[in-house]
Amino acid sequence: MKVSYMIITLIIFAWPLYYLYEIQLGAISFLLLAIFFLVIAIKETKKFKEQKNRNRDESD
């Protein structure tokens, strides 16, 4: 995921997450942010593994 898309997504969801934090539901906003970054990390890991396998196949 491009950094610009990630920043735009965080900016769009900043107000609703802050609203949850203000009404004492900060754990929910933290959980949503954790899930967001987990999904990004999984996508980046898959991309890295595919690139590694592609480089290995090209060298053989």
C-alpha atoms as a PDB file:
ATOM      1  CA  MET A   1       0.000   0.000   0.000  1.00  0.00           C
ATOM      2  CA  LYS A   2       1.327   3.394  -0.927  1.00  0.00           C
ATOM      3  CA  VAL A   3       2.176   5.738   1.889  1.00  0.00           C
ATOM      4  CA  SER A   4      -0.048   8.454   0.452  1.00  0.00           C
ATOM      5  CA  TYR A   5      -3.090   6.121   0.486  1.00  0.00           C
ATOM      6  CA  MET A   6      -2.333   5.147   4.062  1.00  0.00           C
ATOM      7  CA  ILE A   7      -2.086   8.788   5.171  1.00  0.00           C
ATOM      8  CA  ILE A   8      -5.287   9.743   3.349  1.00  0.00           C
ATOM      9  CA  THR A   9      -7.117   6.819   4.976  1.00  0.00           C
ATOM     10  CA  LEU A  10      -5.890   7.829   8.418  1.00  0.00           C
ATOM     11  CA  ILE A  11      -6.945  11.441   7.843  1.00  0.00           C
ATOM     12  CA  ILE A  12     -10.413  10.377   6.710  1.00  0.00           C
ATOM     13  CA  PHE A  13     -10.913   8.165   9.763  1.00  0.00           C
ATOM     14  CA  ALA A  14      -9.290  10.532  12.257  1.00  0.00           C
ATOM     15  CA  TRP A  15     -12.482  12.345  13.258  1.00  0.00           C
ATOM     16  CA  PRO A  16     -14.634   9.235  13.891  1.00  0.00           C
ATOM     17  CA  LEU A  17     -11.817   7.603  15.839  1.00  0.00           C
ATOM     18  CA  TYR A  18     -11.321  10.747  17.898  1.00  0.00           C
ATOM     19  CA  TYR A  19     -15.064  10.884  18.549  1.00  0.00           C
ATOM     20  CA  LEU A  20     -14.949   7.319  19.898  1.00  0.00           C
ATOM     21  CA  TYR A  21     -12.021   8.319  22.075  1.00  0.00           C
ATOM     22  CA  GLU A  22     -13.894  11.340  23.430  1.00  0.00           C
ATOM     23  CA  ILE A  23     -16.931   9.307  24.513  1.00  0.00           C
ATOM     24  CA  GLN A  24     -14.702   6.928  26.480  1.00  0.00           C
ATOM     25  CA  LEU A  25     -14.565   4.243  23.778  1.00  0.00           C
ATOM     26  CA  GLY A  26     -10.865   4.673  23.064  1.00  0.00           C
ATOM     27  CA  ALA A  27     -10.265   0.936  23.129  1.00  0.00           C
ATOM     28  CA  ILE A  28     -12.438   0.511  20.041  1.00  0.00           C
ATOM     29  CA  SER A  29     -10.522   3.147  18.096  1.00  0.00           C
ATOM     30  CA  PHE A  30      -7.235   1.565  19.180  1.00  0.00           C
ATOM     31  CA  LEU A  31      -8.503  -1.846  18.040  1.00  0.00           C
ATOM     32  CA  LEU A  32      -9.542  -0.454  14.651  1.00  0.00           C
ATOM     33  CA  LEU A  33      -6.144   1.184  14.165  1.00  0.00           C
ATOM     34  CA  ALA A  34      -4.403  -2.053  15.152  1.00  0.00           C
ATOM     35  CA  ILE A  35      -6.463  -4.001  12.609  1.00  0.00           C
ATOM     36  CA  PHE A  36      -5.704  -1.392   9.933  1.00  0.00           C
ATOM     37  CA  PHE A  37      -1.959  -1.642  10.485  1.00  0.00           C
ATOM     38  CA  LEU A  38      -2.141  -5.444  10.708  1.00  0.00           C
ATOM     39  CA  VAL A  39      -3.795  -5.599   7.281  1.00  0.00           C
ATOM     40  CA  ILE A  40      -1.119  -3.307   5.856  1.00  0.00           C
ATOM     41  CA  ALA A  41       1.647  -5.437   7.379  1.00  0.00           C
ATOM     42  CA  ILE A  42       0.141  -8.638   5.960  1.00  0.00           C
ATOM     43  CA  LYS A  43      -0.125  -7.083   2.479  1.00  0.00           C
ATOM     44  CA  GLU A  44       3.478  -5.889   2.605  1.00  0.00           C
ATOM     45  CA  THR A  45       4.676  -9.309   3.803  1.00  0.00           C
ATOM     46  CA  LYS A  46       2.868 -11.068   0.947  1.00  0.00           C
ATOM     47  CA  LYS A  47       4.326  -8.603  -1.543  1.00  0.00           C
ATOM     48  CA  PHE A  48       7.813  -9.171  -0.151  1.00  0.00           C
ATOM     49  CA  LYS A  49       7.458 -12.972  -0.284  1.00  0.00           C
ATOM     50  CA  GLU A  50       6.182 -12.871  -3.880  1.00  0.00           C
ATOM     51  CA  GLN A  51       9.074 -10.649  -4.908  1.00  0.00           C
ATOM     52  CA  LYS A  52      11.534 -12.957  -3.151  1.00  0.00           C
ATOM     53  CA  ASN A  53      10.087 -16.024  -4.909  1.00  0.00           C
ATOM     54  CA  ARG A  54      10.127 -14.218  -8.267  1.00  0.00           C
ATOM     55  CA  ASN A  55      13.804 -13.294  -7.808  1.00  0.00           C
ATOM     56  CA  ARG A  56      14.625 -16.872  -6.825  1.00  0.00           C
ATOM     57  CA  ASP A  57      12.851 -18.236  -9.918  1.00  0.00           C
ATOM     58  CA  GLU A  58      14.673 -15.799 -12.205  1.00  0.00           C
ATOM     59  CA  SER A  59      18.077 -16.775 -10.807  1.00  0.00           C
ATOM     60  CA  ASP A  60      17.474 -20.507 -11.432  1.00  0.00           C
END
